[in-house]
Amino acid sequence: MTDRTRFRHVIQLRVRNYEIDWQGIVHNAVYLHYFETGRVAYLENLGLELNIVTIRNESHVVVARNEIDYDSPARFGELLNVFTRISGIGTTSFTFEGIIDAVSTGRLIARNVAVHVWLEKEGGKPIRVPDEFRAMVARFDSPGDAGVPA
């Protein structure tokens, strides 16, 4: 998962002073925010409109799994790349992968796998990932490159 050439989406974030813990490094929980920021930017890049109205429509998406591997600490003021891609789409779920590295050196900082499940609004039962979403992802992350089923 560290092959950055497989990622077509990247944003940059700068580590802010309030993200640092008493050890002088980015607190482990902050990486969840960094990866979520990358995922939201990825979805917006696909052309999805994300706001309170669209989030409260007839279905919604929840995080079912969020895994982070910490490789090296980020520090105050450091500029970071947050790489994001959808690496797979199942029947009712899809998987994001993310990488964070240091812009100045390329040093690997953290890796993420996040599984999201599409749910019906009422009752919260898993439903099929919409075909329109599948098509949007396929157009952006070509199946041969990103491992996204066509």
C-alpha atoms as a PDB file:
ATOM      1  CA  MET A   1       0.000   0.000   0.000  1.00  0.00           C
ATOM      2  CA  THR A   2       2.966   2.368   0.029  1.00  0.00           C
ATOM      3  CA  ASP A   3       3.165   2.694  -3.771  1.00  0.00           C
ATOM      4  CA  ARG A   4       2.156   6.338  -4.143  1.00  0.00           C
ATOM      5  CA  THR A   5       1.852   6.010  -7.929  1.00  0.00           C
ATOM      6  CA  ARG A   6      -1.398   4.063  -7.385  1.00  0.00           C
ATOM      7  CA  PHE A   7      -2.990   7.146  -5.795  1.00  0.00           C
ATOM      8  CA  ARG A   8      -4.580   9.700  -8.116  1.00  0.00           C
ATOM      9  CA  HIS A   9      -5.638  12.036  -5.316  1.00  0.00           C
ATOM     10  CA  VAL A  10      -3.431  13.983  -2.915  1.00  0.00           C
ATOM     11  CA  ILE A  11      -3.920  17.017  -0.688  1.00  0.00           C
ATOM     12  CA  GLN A  12      -1.461  18.848   1.522  1.00  0.00           C
ATOM     13  CA  LEU A  13      -1.902  19.746   5.186  1.00  0.00           C
ATOM     14  CA  ARG A  14       0.409  21.591   7.554  1.00  0.00           C
ATOM     15  CA  VAL A  15       0.726  20.339  11.141  1.00  0.00           C
ATOM     16  CA  ARG A  16      -0.729  22.923  13.509  1.00  0.00           C
ATOM     17  CA  ASN A  17       0.409  23.679  17.058  1.00  0.00           C
ATOM     18  CA  TYR A  18      -2.718  22.273  18.758  1.00  0.00           C
ATOM     19  CA  GLU A  19      -2.243  18.891  17.038  1.00  0.00           C
ATOM     20  CA  ILE A  20       0.972  18.228  18.974  1.00  0.00           C
ATOM     21  CA  ASP A  21       0.991  16.155  22.156  1.00  0.00           C
ATOM     22  CA  TRP A  22       3.251  16.388  25.213  1.00  0.00           C
ATOM     23  CA  GLN A  23       5.949  14.392  23.357  1.00  0.00           C
ATOM     24  CA  GLY A  24       6.210  17.134  20.726  1.00  0.00           C
ATOM     25  CA  ILE A  25       4.733  15.018  17.929  1.00  0.00           C
ATOM     26  CA  VAL A  26       1.318  14.814  16.268  1.00  0.00           C
ATOM     27  CA  HIS A  27      -1.089  13.021  18.614  1.00  0.00           C
ATOM     28  CA  ASN A  28      -2.120   9.617  17.290  1.00  0.00           C
ATOM     29  CA  ALA A  29      -5.852  10.517  17.154  1.00  0.00           C
ATOM     30  CA  VAL A  30      -5.161  13.508  14.891  1.00  0.00           C
ATOM     31  CA  TYR A  31      -4.252  11.181  12.017  1.00  0.00           C
ATOM     32  CA  LEU A  32      -7.912  10.110  11.900  1.00  0.00           C
ATOM     33  CA  HIS A  33      -8.741  13.746  11.038  1.00  0.00           C
ATOM     34  CA  TYR A  34      -5.994  13.927   8.417  1.00  0.00           C
ATOM     35  CA  PHE A  35      -7.223  10.779   6.667  1.00  0.00           C
ATOM     36  CA  GLU A  36     -10.870  11.899   6.909  1.00  0.00           C
ATOM     37  CA  THR A  37      -9.929  15.250   5.372  1.00  0.00           C
ATOM     38  CA  GLY A  38      -8.312  13.360   2.494  1.00  0.00           C
ATOM     39  CA  ARG A  39     -11.390  11.143   2.022  1.00  0.00           C
ATOM     40  CA  VAL A  40     -13.785  14.101   1.963  1.00  0.00           C
ATOM     41  CA  ALA A  41     -11.582  15.928  -0.558  1.00  0.00           C
ATOM     42  CA  TYR A  42     -11.450  12.757  -2.666  1.00  0.00           C
ATOM     43  CA  LEU A  43     -15.259  12.470  -2.710  1.00  0.00           C
ATOM     44  CA  GLU A  44     -15.629  16.146  -3.574  1.00  0.00           C
ATOM     45  CA  ASN A  45     -13.101  15.631  -6.372  1.00  0.00           C
ATOM     46  CA  LEU A  46     -15.360  12.875  -7.750  1.00  0.00           C
ATOM     47  CA  GLY A  47     -18.099  15.495  -8.030  1.00  0.00           C
ATOM     48  CA  LEU A  48     -20.124  14.534  -4.969  1.00  0.00           C
ATOM     49  CA  GLU A  49     -21.743  17.407  -3.148  1.00  0.00           C
ATOM     50  CA  LEU A  50     -21.203  16.903   0.573  1.00  0.00           C
ATOM     51  CA  ASN A  51     -23.358  19.004   2.863  1.00  0.00           C
ATOM     52  CA  ILE A  52     -26.028  18.487   5.521  1.00  0.00           C
ATOM     53  CA  VAL A  53     -28.762  18.075   2.900  1.00  0.00           C
ATOM     54  CA  THR A  54     -26.969  15.423   0.839  1.00  0.00           C
ATOM     55  CA  ILE A  55     -25.760  13.595   3.940  1.00  0.00           C
ATOM     56  CA  ARG A  56     -29.334  13.287   5.245  1.00  0.00           C
ATOM     57  CA  ASN A  57     -30.884  11.864   2.088  1.00  0.00           C
ATOM     58  CA  GLU A  58     -32.527   8.433   1.778  1.00  0.00           C
ATOM     59  CA  SER A  59     -29.302   6.557   2.555  1.00  0.00           C
ATOM     60  CA  HIS A  60     -26.016   7.268   4.263  1.00  0.00           C
ATOM     61  CA  VAL A  61     -22.496   5.951   4.654  1.00  0.00           C
ATOM     62  CA  VAL A  62     -20.816   4.996   7.938  1.00  0.00           C
ATOM     63  CA  VAL A  63     -17.296   3.957   8.855  1.00  0.00           C
ATOM     64  CA  ALA A  64     -17.198   0.279   9.814  1.00  0.00           C
ATOM     65  CA  ARG A  65     -13.422  -0.069  10.175  1.00  0.00           C
ATOM     66  CA  ASN A  66     -10.620   2.455  10.546  1.00  0.00           C
ATOM     67  CA  GLU A  67      -7.076   1.123  10.843  1.00  0.00           C
ATOM     68  CA  ILE A  68      -3.891   3.187  11.075  1.00  0.00           C
ATOM     69  CA  ASP A  69      -0.275   2.068  10.945  1.00  0.00           C
ATOM     70  CA  TYR A  70       2.091   4.683  12.358  1.00  0.00           C
ATOM     71  CA  ASP A  71       5.484   4.656  10.655  1.00  0.00           C
ATOM     72  CA  SER A  72       7.175   7.855  11.855  1.00  0.00           C
ATOM     73  CA  PRO A  73       6.011  10.925  13.774  1.00  0.00           C
ATOM     74  CA  ALA A  74       4.974  14.193  12.159  1.00  0.00           C
ATOM     75  CA  ARG A  75       6.022  17.404  13.899  1.00  0.00           C
ATOM     76  CA  PHE A  76       4.780  20.965  14.252  1.00  0.00           C
ATOM     77  CA  GLY A  77       4.965  22.980  11.024  1.00  0.00           C
ATOM     78  CA  GLU A  78       5.675  19.974   8.823  1.00  0.00           C
ATOM     79  CA  LEU A  79       3.887  19.971   5.452  1.00  0.00           C
ATOM     80  CA  LEU A  80       2.229  16.621   4.761  1.00  0.00           C
ATOM     81  CA  ASN A  81       0.886  14.867   1.677  1.00  0.00           C
ATOM     82  CA  VAL A  82      -2.325  12.925   2.271  1.00  0.00           C
ATOM     83  CA  PHE A  83      -2.808  10.409  -0.539  1.00  0.00           C
ATOM     84  CA  THR A  84      -6.286   8.850  -0.889  1.00  0.00           C
ATOM     85  CA  ARG A  85      -7.855   6.223  -3.105  1.00  0.00           C
ATOM     86  CA  ILE A  86     -10.729   3.768  -3.160  1.00  0.00           C
ATOM     87  CA  SER A  87      -9.076   0.392  -3.462  1.00  0.00           C
ATOM     88  CA  GLY A  88     -12.200  -1.734  -3.678  1.00  0.00           C
ATOM     89  CA  ILE A  89     -15.973  -1.715  -3.847  1.00  0.00           C
ATOM     90  CA  GLY A  90     -17.997  -4.642  -2.564  1.00  0.00           C
ATOM     91  CA  THR A  91     -21.728  -5.217  -2.532  1.00  0.00           C
ATOM     92  CA  THR A  92     -22.574  -2.899   0.379  1.00  0.00           C
ATOM     93  CA  SER A  93     -19.177  -1.440   1.268  1.00  0.00           C
ATOM     94  CA  PHE A  94     -16.153   0.279  -0.184  1.00  0.00           C
ATOM     95  CA  THR A  95     -12.594   0.600   1.048  1.00  0.00           C
ATOM     96  CA  PHE A  96     -10.454   3.714   1.209  1.00  0.00           C
ATOM     97  CA  GLU A  97      -6.697   3.521   1.521  1.00  0.00           C
ATOM     98  CA  GLY A  98      -4.536   6.441   2.573  1.00  0.00           C
ATOM     99  CA  ILE A  99      -0.895   7.328   2.971  1.00  0.00           C
ATOM    100  CA  ILE A 100       0.624  10.318   4.715  1.00  0.00           C
ATOM    101  CA  ASP A 101       4.176  11.362   3.987  1.00  0.00           C
ATOM    102  CA  ALA A 102       6.377  14.392   4.560  1.00  0.00           C
ATOM    103  CA  VAL A 103       6.475  16.710   1.547  1.00  0.00           C
ATOM    104  CA  SER A 104      10.103  17.704   2.127  1.00  0.00           C
ATOM    105  CA  THR A 105      11.574  14.193   2.357  1.00  0.00           C
ATOM    106  CA  GLY A 106       8.910  11.693   1.253  1.00  0.00           C
ATOM    107  CA  ARG A 107       9.283  10.035   4.671  1.00  0.00           C
ATOM    108  CA  LEU A 108       6.373   7.652   5.288  1.00  0.00           C
ATOM    109  CA  ILE A 109       4.405   8.819   8.322  1.00  0.00           C
ATOM    110  CA  ALA A 110       1.197   6.757   8.426  1.00  0.00           C
ATOM    111  CA  ARG A 111      -1.009   4.373   6.444  1.00  0.00           C
ATOM    112  CA  ASN A 112      -4.775   3.918   6.683  1.00  0.00           C
ATOM    113  CA  VAL A 113      -7.482   1.486   5.654  1.00  0.00           C
ATOM    114  CA  ALA A 114     -11.070   2.612   6.191  1.00  0.00           C
ATOM    115  CA  VAL A 115     -14.085   0.503   5.264  1.00  0.00           C
ATOM    116  CA  HIS A 116     -17.351   2.362   4.707  1.00  0.00           C
ATOM    117  CA  VAL A 117     -20.785   0.749   4.533  1.00  0.00           C
ATOM    118  CA  TRP A 118     -23.788   2.148   2.670  1.00  0.00           C
ATOM    119  CA  LEU A 119     -26.934   2.026   4.837  1.00  0.00           C
ATOM    120  CA  GLU A 120     -30.615   2.715   4.315  1.00  0.00           C
ATOM    121  CA  LYS A 121     -31.735   5.817   6.181  1.00  0.00           C
ATOM    122  CA  GLU A 122     -34.495   4.132   8.145  1.00  0.00           C
ATOM    123  CA  GLY A 123     -33.492   0.947   9.923  1.00  0.00           C
ATOM    124  CA  GLY A 124     -29.816   1.233   9.064  1.00  0.00           C
ATOM    125  CA  LYS A 125     -29.594  -1.977   7.073  1.00  0.00           C
ATOM    126  CA  PRO A 126     -26.731  -2.302   4.571  1.00  0.00           C
ATOM    127  CA  ILE A 127     -27.753  -1.635   0.975  1.00  0.00           C
ATOM    128  CA  ARG A 128     -25.995  -2.015  -2.356  1.00  0.00           C
ATOM    129  CA  VAL A 129     -23.407   0.635  -3.164  1.00  0.00           C
ATOM    130  CA  PRO A 130     -25.172   2.750  -5.826  1.00  0.00           C
ATOM    131  CA  ASP A 131     -24.161   2.189  -9.435  1.00  0.00           C
ATOM    132  CA  GLU A 132     -23.689   5.939  -9.925  1.00  0.00           C
ATOM    133  CA  PHE A 133     -21.062   5.988  -7.158  1.00  0.00           C
ATOM    134  CA  ARG A 134     -19.345   2.928  -8.647  1.00  0.00           C
ATOM    135  CA  ALA A 135     -19.193   4.673 -12.029  1.00  0.00           C
ATOM    136  CA  MET A 136     -17.791   7.883 -10.537  1.00  0.00           C
ATOM    137  CA  VAL A 137     -15.009   5.966  -8.815  1.00  0.00           C
ATOM    138  CA  ALA A 138     -14.257   3.913 -11.930  1.00  0.00           C
ATOM    139  CA  ARG A 139     -13.951   7.099 -14.001  1.00  0.00           C
ATOM    140  CA  PHE A 140     -11.469   8.581 -11.518  1.00  0.00           C
ATOM    141  CA  ASP A 141      -9.578   5.506 -10.284  1.00  0.00           C
ATOM    142  CA  SER A 142      -9.380   3.258 -13.320  1.00  0.00           C
ATOM    143  CA  PRO A 143     -10.006  -0.390 -12.399  1.00  0.00           C
ATOM    144  CA  GLY A 144      -6.683  -1.599 -13.734  1.00  0.00           C
ATOM    145  CA  ASP A 145      -4.707   0.891 -11.677  1.00  0.00           C
ATOM    146  CA  ALA A 146      -6.549   1.175  -8.410  1.00  0.00           C
ATOM    147  CA  GLY A 147      -7.974  -2.290  -7.963  1.00  0.00           C
ATOM    148  CA  VAL A 148     -11.517  -0.929  -8.139  1.00  0.00           C
ATOM    149  CA  PRO A 149     -13.947  -3.470  -9.607  1.00  0.00           C
ATOM    150  CA  ALA A 150     -15.618  -2.207 -12.769  1.00  0.00           C
END
